[in-house]
């Protein structure tokens, strides 16, 4: 599997006012906060790039598989994600993505990565009923219930200091 092509020749779009159709497949491999976008399967990017006066319009739809780590039990689960990118970039000034329109080719990866990261939830759960990890031994509680003695949670965390001989 190859990396998703995000470099496009916009010379035709800028000089002849012809639309550029995009239909690409490949790996995104964007990682953030325990989530990886499109690491093991291809992402699909479709859309169009058009010129509207002095603005370049990006209208893209990206579909990818996100592998997320559960915030409670750390189990990795996969979920199909889809994001829509609608950007209007002024071609005569610097932009926040450092895209140079004086070049023949532009790389829209910074735009894609920002939108994918914005779409990632900081807290993901494998299920709403996830029990997480055992606070004593660290085993995953969804498939194995531990039988440890329960500590008195109201006991002060400093009570063991009273046993010290000072």
Protein backbone atom coordinates (compact mmCIF):
# COMPACT_ATOMS: atom_id res chain seq x y z
CA UNK A 1 0.00 0.00 0.00
CA UNK A 2 1.29 3.42 -0.89
CA UNK A 3 0.87 6.76 0.81
CA UNK A 4 -2.11 8.91 -0.18
CA UNK A 5 -1.10 11.31 -2.96
CA UNK A 6 -1.66 14.87 -1.72
CA UNK A 7 0.49 16.71 -4.26
CA UNK A 8 -1.40 18.12 -7.23
CA UNK A 9 -0.48 20.16 -10.29
CA UNK A 10 -2.68 23.27 -10.17
CA UNK A 11 -1.16 24.99 -13.21
CA UNK A 12 -4.23 24.16 -15.32
CA UNK A 13 -6.61 25.36 -12.62
CA UNK A 14 -4.83 28.71 -12.20
CA UNK A 15 -4.11 29.46 -15.86
CA UNK A 16 -7.08 28.00 -17.77
CA UNK A 17 -9.76 28.07 -15.07
CA UNK A 18 -10.29 24.32 -15.52
CA UNK A 19 -11.49 22.30 -12.54
CA UNK A 20 -9.24 19.57 -11.15
CA UNK A 21 -11.02 16.34 -10.18
CA UNK A 22 -9.42 14.34 -7.40
CA UNK A 23 -9.89 10.62 -6.89
CA UNK A 24 -7.03 9.13 -4.85
CA UNK A 25 -6.55 6.12 -2.58
CA UNK A 26 -3.68 5.44 -0.19
CA UNK A 27 -2.50 5.48 3.41
CA UNK A 28 -2.94 8.61 5.53
CA UNK A 29 -0.99 7.39 8.57
CA UNK A 30 -1.88 10.35 10.81
CA UNK A 31 -1.43 9.66 14.55
CA UNK A 32 -2.81 11.69 17.41
CA UNK A 33 -3.82 10.91 20.99
CA UNK A 34 -3.95 7.11 20.69
CA UNK A 35 -5.69 7.16 17.31
CA UNK A 36 -4.18 6.31 13.93
CA UNK A 37 -5.97 7.24 10.72
CA UNK A 38 -5.73 4.77 7.84
CA UNK A 39 -2.68 2.82 9.03
CA UNK A 40 -3.62 -0.61 7.69
CA UNK A 41 -6.11 0.22 4.95
CA UNK A 42 -6.45 2.74 2.19
CA UNK A 43 -8.14 6.07 2.66
CA UNK A 44 -10.25 7.32 -0.23
CA UNK A 45 -10.14 11.01 -1.19
CA UNK A 46 -12.54 12.41 -3.77
CA UNK A 47 -13.35 15.97 -4.67
CA UNK A 48 -12.69 18.93 -6.86
CA UNK A 49 -10.34 21.94 -6.91
CA UNK A 50 -11.71 25.06 -8.60
CA UNK A 51 -10.69 28.66 -9.11
CA UNK A 52 -13.13 31.33 -7.99
CA UNK A 53 -11.66 34.72 -8.86
CA UNK A 54 -8.58 35.03 -6.69
CA UNK A 55 -9.45 32.07 -4.47
CA UNK A 56 -8.70 28.38 -4.84
CA UNK A 57 -11.60 26.30 -3.57
CA UNK A 58 -10.96 22.81 -2.21
CA UNK A 59 -14.03 20.62 -1.88
CA UNK A 60 -12.91 17.17 -0.69
CA UNK A 61 -14.44 14.11 0.95
CA UNK A 62 -12.07 11.72 2.72
CA UNK A 63 -13.13 8.31 3.96
CA UNK A 64 -10.72 6.34 6.15
CA UNK A 65 -10.52 3.68 8.86
CA UNK A 66 -9.45 5.02 12.27
CA UNK A 67 -7.84 2.70 14.83
CA UNK A 68 -8.55 4.14 18.29
CA UNK A 69 -7.33 3.05 21.69
CA UNK A 70 -10.07 2.77 24.32
CA UNK A 71 -9.48 5.32 27.08
CA UNK A 72 -10.53 2.82 29.76
CA UNK A 73 -9.18 -0.62 28.74
CA UNK A 74 -6.61 0.35 26.06
CA UNK A 75 -8.10 -2.11 23.55
CA UNK A 76 -7.72 -0.96 19.94
CA UNK A 77 -10.89 -0.80 17.87
CA UNK A 78 -11.49 0.31 14.29
CA UNK A 79 -14.19 2.64 13.05
CA UNK A 80 -14.93 4.02 9.58
CA UNK A 81 -14.67 7.82 9.52
CA UNK A 82 -15.57 10.39 6.91
CA UNK A 83 -14.61 14.06 6.81
CA UNK A 84 -15.53 16.84 4.46
CA UNK A 85 -13.01 19.56 3.63
CA UNK A 86 -14.22 22.87 2.24
CA UNK A 87 -11.38 25.38 2.13
CA UNK A 88 -11.13 28.74 0.39
CA UNK A 89 -7.51 29.81 -0.07
CA UNK A 90 -6.44 33.25 -1.30
CA UNK A 91 -3.81 32.66 -3.98
CA UNK A 92 -1.93 35.99 -3.75
CA UNK A 93 -0.97 35.99 -0.04
CA UNK A 94 0.56 33.60 2.43
CA UNK A 95 -1.92 31.22 4.00
CA UNK A 96 -1.98 29.34 7.27
CA UNK A 97 -0.97 26.09 5.53
CA UNK A 98 2.21 27.50 3.91
CA UNK A 99 1.01 26.55 0.43
CA UNK A 100 2.97 28.43 -2.24
CA UNK A 101 0.76 29.08 -5.27
CA UNK A 102 3.79 30.27 -7.28
CA UNK A 103 4.84 26.62 -7.57
CA UNK A 104 3.32 24.38 -10.21
CA UNK A 105 2.43 21.75 -7.59
CA UNK A 106 0.78 22.17 -4.22
CA UNK A 107 0.72 19.73 -1.30
CA UNK A 108 -2.59 19.73 0.58
CA UNK A 109 -1.40 17.29 3.27
CA UNK A 110 -1.29 20.04 5.98
CA UNK A 111 -5.00 20.76 5.35
CA UNK A 112 -5.91 17.07 5.42
CA UNK A 113 -3.94 16.33 8.59
CA UNK A 114 -5.48 19.31 10.42
CA UNK A 115 -9.02 18.25 9.52
CA UNK A 116 -8.39 14.59 10.44
CA UNK A 117 -6.91 15.58 13.82
CA UNK A 118 -9.86 17.93 14.44
CA UNK A 119 -12.16 14.96 13.81
CA UNK A 120 -10.41 12.71 16.37
CA UNK A 121 -12.12 12.41 19.74
CA UNK A 122 -9.76 12.73 22.71
CA UNK A 123 -11.77 10.18 24.71
CA UNK A 124 -12.76 7.05 22.85
CA UNK A 125 -14.46 4.00 24.31
CA UNK A 126 -14.69 0.48 22.88
CA UNK A 127 -18.23 0.38 24.31
CA UNK A 128 -20.32 2.42 26.73
CA UNK A 129 -20.24 -0.50 29.18
CA UNK A 130 -16.42 -0.80 29.18
CA UNK A 131 -15.16 -1.60 32.69
CA UNK A 132 -11.57 -0.58 32.01
CA UNK A 133 -8.50 -1.92 33.81
CA UNK A 134 -8.27 -3.29 37.34
CA UNK A 135 -6.84 -0.60 39.61
CA UNK A 136 -4.88 -3.22 41.58
CA UNK A 137 -3.42 -5.64 39.00
CA UNK A 138 -4.03 -3.80 35.71
CA UNK A 139 -5.91 -6.62 33.95
CA UNK A 140 -8.65 -5.78 31.49
CA UNK A 141 -12.02 -6.14 33.32
CA UNK A 142 -14.35 -6.73 30.33
CA UNK A 143 -13.23 -10.34 29.83
CA UNK A 144 -11.83 -11.14 33.30
CA UNK A 145 -13.31 -10.01 36.62
CA UNK A 146 -10.71 -9.72 39.40
CA UNK A 147 -11.53 -10.91 42.91
CA UNK A 148 -9.20 -8.66 44.93
CA UNK A 149 -10.04 -7.49 48.41
CA UNK A 150 -11.65 -4.09 48.20
CA UNK A 151 -9.76 -1.35 49.95
CA UNK A 152 -11.58 1.09 52.14
CA UNK A 153 -11.80 4.02 49.77
CA UNK A 154 -12.66 6.39 52.60
CA UNK A 155 -9.39 5.58 54.33
CA UNK A 156 -6.92 8.43 54.16
CA UNK A 157 -4.07 7.87 51.72
CA UNK A 158 -1.73 9.00 54.51
CA UNK A 159 -2.99 6.51 57.13
CA UNK A 160 -0.09 4.12 56.47
CA UNK A 161 2.30 6.84 57.64
CA UNK A 162 0.96 6.47 61.20
CA UNK A 163 2.58 3.02 61.33
CA UNK A 164 6.05 4.48 60.88
CA UNK A 165 8.27 4.56 63.99
CA UNK A 166 9.77 8.03 64.02
